[in-house]
Amino acid sequence: MSKKPSFFERLSGGSGAEVFDAFDEELSATPPAREKPRVRASDTRPAPLEADAPGSEGQLPVDVHQTASDIIIRAFVAGVRPDELNISISRDMVEIEGSRMEREQVAGPDYFTRELFWGSFSRTIMLPQEVDVEASSASAKDGLLTIILPRLDKTKQTKLRVKAG
């Protein structure tokens, strides 16, 4: 009875004969590794994190995209009042600074998981195109900061009339 060729043999056109090369010999010289038992996520609990180092600053994650006329920046700033945000805009750069303070002090050993960032944060974003600083706007709703920066059209030309003086 003939043995049906494996998928690899059919794919490569190889015969059923085994061919060894130097790499195969090295593999056969090492004993097979034992498979580690699988651990379910619910079986493990991350170790509590130590308090953030004093003076350390977090980096604010942002999304930046463009439309036909604007560059739009979005960032989650939940827990920060709008008046606690400092946004500086120049023609080619935006800097967002703020601080998020913990409302309740919890002792380190009492934490099971600690992933939220508390403290000051900032982000500097280099813009792909110059923007109109005076026409820019920022708003925060439901913890989402949205900055709208109108793009400058460098191809737009205006004609000036010379006044007789």
Protein backbone atom coordinates (compact mmCIF):
# COMPACT_ATOMS: atom_id res chain seq x y z
CA MET A 1 0.00 0.00 0.00
CA SER A 2 1.51 3.35 -0.98
CA LYS A 3 1.77 6.18 1.51
CA LYS A 4 -0.04 9.40 0.60
CA PRO A 5 2.46 12.27 0.18
CA SER A 6 2.31 14.99 2.82
CA PHE A 7 1.24 18.53 2.04
CA PHE A 8 4.86 19.68 2.11
CA GLU A 9 5.93 16.91 -0.24
CA ARG A 10 3.15 17.80 -2.66
CA LEU A 11 4.05 21.48 -2.42
CA SER A 12 7.79 21.02 -2.91
CA GLY A 13 7.55 18.10 -5.31
CA GLY A 14 9.85 16.11 -3.04
CA SER A 15 9.80 12.38 -2.67
CA GLY A 16 9.10 10.67 0.59
CA ALA A 17 12.82 10.08 1.24
CA GLU A 18 14.28 12.00 4.15
CA VAL A 19 17.12 14.37 3.30
CA PHE A 20 19.29 15.81 6.05
CA ASP A 21 21.54 18.82 5.95
CA ALA A 22 23.82 20.40 8.52
CA PHE A 23 20.95 22.31 10.12
CA ASP A 24 18.93 19.14 10.62
CA GLU A 25 21.90 17.43 12.25
CA GLU A 26 22.27 20.29 14.75
CA LEU A 27 18.61 20.07 15.64
CA SER A 28 18.71 16.34 16.23
CA ALA A 29 21.74 16.73 18.56
CA THR A 30 19.77 18.83 21.05
CA PRO A 31 17.27 17.12 23.32
CA PRO A 32 13.66 18.09 22.81
CA ALA A 33 12.55 20.98 25.02
CA ARG A 34 9.87 20.31 27.55
CA GLU A 35 6.68 22.17 26.99
CA LYS A 36 5.89 24.62 29.77
CA PRO A 37 2.47 24.25 31.35
CA ARG A 38 0.03 26.88 30.19
CA VAL A 39 -1.05 29.49 32.70
CA ARG A 40 -4.41 31.16 32.39
CA ALA A 41 -4.50 34.94 32.70
CA SER A 42 -6.85 34.61 35.65
CA ASP A 43 -4.22 32.53 37.50
CA THR A 44 -1.68 35.34 37.57
CA ARG A 45 -1.82 38.70 39.23
CA PRO A 46 0.70 41.42 38.32
CA ALA A 47 2.90 42.63 41.12
CA PRO A 48 1.91 46.04 42.46
CA LEU A 49 3.83 48.93 40.92
CA GLU A 50 5.86 51.29 42.98
CA ALA A 51 4.84 54.94 43.03
CA ASP A 52 6.07 56.95 40.08
CA ALA A 53 9.49 58.46 40.62
CA PRO A 54 9.34 62.09 41.71
CA GLY A 55 9.89 64.48 38.84
CA SER A 56 9.06 61.86 36.21
CA GLU A 57 6.76 63.02 33.46
CA GLY A 58 4.40 60.92 31.37
CA GLN A 59 4.01 61.19 27.62
CA LEU A 60 0.48 61.88 26.44
CA PRO A 61 -0.66 59.49 23.66
CA VAL A 62 -2.23 61.30 20.71
CA ASP A 63 -3.88 60.71 17.34
CA VAL A 64 -3.01 63.18 14.58
CA HIS A 65 -4.79 63.22 11.22
CA GLN A 66 -5.68 65.66 8.49
CA THR A 67 -8.71 66.68 6.52
CA ALA A 68 -8.80 68.77 3.36
CA SER A 69 -8.38 71.99 5.36
CA ASP A 70 -7.27 71.08 8.91
CA ILE A 71 -4.84 69.08 10.99
CA ILE A 72 -6.65 67.48 13.93
CA ILE A 73 -5.05 66.28 17.16
CA ARG A 74 -6.95 64.14 19.67
CA ALA A 75 -5.82 63.00 23.11
CA PHE A 76 -7.52 61.44 26.11
CA VAL A 77 -7.19 63.77 29.09
CA ALA A 78 -9.73 62.17 31.42
CA GLY A 79 -9.44 63.46 34.96
CA VAL A 80 -7.93 66.79 33.87
CA ARG A 81 -9.98 69.98 33.92
CA PRO A 82 -9.70 72.08 30.75
CA ASP A 83 -8.24 75.01 32.72
CA GLU A 84 -5.41 72.68 33.91
CA LEU A 85 -4.24 72.08 30.32
CA ASN A 86 -1.57 74.26 28.72
CA ILE A 87 -1.53 74.15 24.92
CA SER A 88 1.16 76.07 23.03
CA ILE A 89 0.88 76.33 19.25
CA SER A 90 3.43 77.62 16.76
CA ARG A 91 3.24 77.34 12.98
CA ASP A 92 4.92 73.92 12.91
CA MET A 93 4.58 72.51 16.44
CA VAL A 94 2.04 71.89 19.20
CA GLU A 95 2.90 71.29 22.85
CA ILE A 96 0.33 69.93 25.30
CA GLU A 97 1.08 69.97 29.04
CA GLY A 98 -1.03 69.12 32.03
CA SER A 99 -1.26 67.25 35.26
CA ARG A 100 -3.56 64.52 36.54
CA MET A 101 -3.73 64.20 40.33
CA GLU A 102 -4.88 61.17 42.25
CA ARG A 103 -7.95 62.00 44.29
CA GLU A 104 -7.48 59.20 46.80
CA GLN A 105 -4.23 57.94 48.28
CA VAL A 106 -3.96 54.15 48.31
CA ALA A 107 -1.07 52.29 49.93
CA GLY A 108 1.18 50.37 47.51
CA PRO A 109 0.51 46.90 48.94
CA ASP A 110 -3.27 47.48 48.64
CA TYR A 111 -3.07 47.67 44.81
CA PHE A 112 -3.74 44.58 42.74
CA THR A 113 -3.19 46.35 39.41
CA ARG A 114 -1.88 49.86 38.85
CA GLU A 115 -1.86 51.03 35.24
CA LEU A 116 -3.23 54.58 35.32
CA PHE A 117 -0.75 57.43 35.09
CA TRP A 118 -0.92 60.12 37.76
CA GLY A 119 1.22 63.23 37.66
CA SER A 120 2.35 65.71 35.06
CA PHE A 121 2.41 64.84 31.38
CA SER A 122 3.38 66.54 28.15
CA ARG A 123 3.61 65.92 24.44
CA THR A 124 5.30 67.86 21.68
CA ILE A 125 3.97 67.21 18.18
CA MET A 126 5.86 68.31 15.10
CA LEU A 127 3.30 69.19 12.44
CA PRO A 128 3.68 68.00 8.84
CA GLN A 129 2.60 71.40 7.52
CA GLU A 130 2.40 74.97 8.78
CA VAL A 131 -0.86 75.97 10.45
CA ASP A 132 -2.76 79.19 11.14
CA VAL A 133 -2.09 79.78 14.84
CA GLU A 134 -4.76 82.48 15.33
CA ALA A 135 -7.57 80.43 13.76
CA SER A 136 -6.77 77.26 15.79
CA SER A 137 -9.21 75.98 18.41
CA ALA A 138 -9.26 73.41 21.22
CA SER A 139 -12.17 71.75 23.01
CA ALA A 140 -12.58 68.97 25.57
CA LYS A 141 -15.65 66.77 25.87
CA ASP A 142 -16.03 63.52 27.82
CA GLY A 143 -12.29 63.41 28.52
CA LEU A 144 -11.30 63.74 24.84
CA LEU A 145 -9.23 66.80 23.89
CA THR A 146 -9.63 67.87 20.25
CA ILE A 147 -7.36 70.50 18.73
CA ILE A 148 -8.25 71.80 15.25
CA LEU A 149 -5.44 73.51 13.39
CA PRO A 150 -6.33 75.11 10.01
CA ARG A 151 -3.60 74.38 7.48
CA LEU A 152 -1.93 77.27 5.70
CA ASP A 153 -2.25 77.18 1.94
CA LYS A 154 1.15 78.24 0.61
CA THR A 155 -0.13 78.23 -2.97
CA LYS A 156 -2.81 80.82 -2.17
CA GLN A 157 -1.86 84.23 -3.51
CA THR A 158 -3.34 87.61 -2.90
CA LYS A 159 -2.89 90.80 -4.89
CA LEU A 160 -2.08 94.03 -3.13
CA ARG A 161 -3.11 97.41 -4.42
CA VAL A 162 -0.53 100.10 -4.14
CA LYS A 163 -1.99 103.24 -2.65
CA ALA A 164 -0.85 106.56 -3.95
CA GLY A 165 0.47 108.59 -1.13
